[in-house]
C-alpha cells in the first residue's frame, strides 16, 4: 500500500527529529515506527491478544528494497 501523507507543524518536526537522532533511517521508516508503536499501545489498552506478526506480514509491509534495513530490524524485533 502506498500513502501520500502531508505533515506539518509539530508532527513534521517530530518525524524529522526521529530521523535526525538516528532512530529511523528515513521519514517513511519513522512513520512506520510510530504506527507500530501506536498499534502496540492500542492492543495493550484493549487487552486483546493480537495474532503475532509472521514473516509474510512483515515482508508485505516492508517490501521496499530501499528499506531493507528496516525490514531486518522489524523481523528481529517481532519474530523472536
Protein backbone atom coordinates (compact mmCIF):
# COMPACT_ATOMS: atom_id res chain seq x y z
CA UNK A 1 0.00 0.00 0.00
CA UNK A 2 1.29 3.44 -0.87
CA UNK A 3 0.14 6.50 1.02
CA UNK A 4 0.89 10.10 0.23
CA UNK A 5 0.98 11.94 3.54
CA UNK A 6 1.42 15.63 4.28
CA UNK A 7 2.54 16.55 7.79
CA UNK A 8 3.22 19.99 9.14
CA UNK A 9 3.97 21.68 12.42
CA UNK A 10 4.85 19.56 15.41
CA UNK A 11 4.22 16.25 13.64
CA UNK A 12 6.63 17.15 10.84
CA UNK A 13 9.22 18.26 13.40
CA UNK A 14 8.78 15.03 15.34
CA UNK A 15 9.31 12.84 12.26
CA UNK A 16 12.35 14.88 11.22
CA UNK A 17 13.75 14.59 14.75
CA UNK A 18 13.42 10.78 14.72
CA UNK A 19 15.48 10.68 11.53
CA UNK A 20 18.00 13.25 12.77
CA UNK A 21 18.57 11.30 16.00
CA UNK A 22 19.10 8.08 14.04
CA UNK A 23 16.03 6.30 15.44
CA UNK A 24 14.78 5.87 11.87
CA UNK A 25 16.68 5.72 8.59
CA UNK A 26 14.19 7.94 6.77
CA UNK A 27 10.81 9.60 7.17
CA UNK A 28 8.90 6.57 5.89
CA UNK A 29 10.53 4.34 8.49
CA UNK A 30 9.83 6.93 11.21
CA UNK A 31 6.13 6.91 10.35
CA UNK A 32 6.04 3.09 10.25
CA UNK A 33 7.71 3.03 13.65
CA UNK A 34 5.11 5.45 15.03
CA UNK A 35 2.22 3.43 13.63
CA UNK A 36 3.71 0.22 15.02
CA UNK A 37 4.09 1.80 18.45
CA UNK A 38 0.51 3.10 18.31
CA UNK A 39 -0.73 -0.37 17.35
CA UNK A 40 1.14 -1.98 20.25
CA UNK A 41 -0.26 0.53 22.74
CA UNK A 42 -3.75 0.12 21.31
CA UNK A 43 -3.57 -3.66 21.74
CA UNK A 44 -2.31 -3.32 25.32
CA UNK A 45 -5.08 -0.85 26.15
CA UNK A 46 -7.71 -3.22 24.79
CA UNK A 47 -6.01 -6.16 26.48
CA UNK A 48 -6.55 -8.20 23.35
CA UNK A 49 -4.16 -10.95 22.44
CA UNK A 50 -3.41 -9.97 18.87
CA UNK A 51 -2.18 -12.56 16.43
CA UNK A 52 1.62 -12.36 16.34
CA UNK A 53 3.19 -10.95 13.23
CA UNK A 54 4.68 -13.53 10.93
CA UNK A 55 7.34 -13.21 8.25
CA UNK A 56 4.86 -12.71 5.41
CA UNK A 57 3.18 -9.84 7.25
CA UNK A 58 6.49 -8.08 7.73
CA UNK A 59 7.57 -8.78 4.15
CA UNK A 60 4.31 -7.34 2.86
CA UNK A 61 4.65 -4.21 4.97
CA UNK A 62 8.36 -3.62 4.30
CA UNK A 63 8.84 -4.79 0.75
CA UNK A 64 10.69 -1.69 -0.42
CA UNK A 65 14.32 -2.57 -1.26
CA UNK A 66 15.47 0.83 -0.03
CA UNK A 67 14.00 -0.03 3.39
CA UNK A 68 15.65 -3.46 3.66
CA UNK A 69 17.47 -2.38 6.83
CA UNK A 70 14.12 -1.53 8.44
CA UNK A 71 12.65 -4.89 7.41
CA UNK A 72 15.55 -6.69 9.10
CA UNK A 73 15.06 -4.67 12.26
CA UNK A 74 11.35 -5.47 12.46
CA UNK A 75 11.93 -9.17 11.70
CA UNK A 76 14.38 -9.38 14.60
CA UNK A 77 12.08 -7.43 16.91
CA UNK A 78 8.82 -9.22 16.21
CA UNK A 79 9.88 -12.71 15.18
CA UNK A 80 11.77 -13.69 18.31
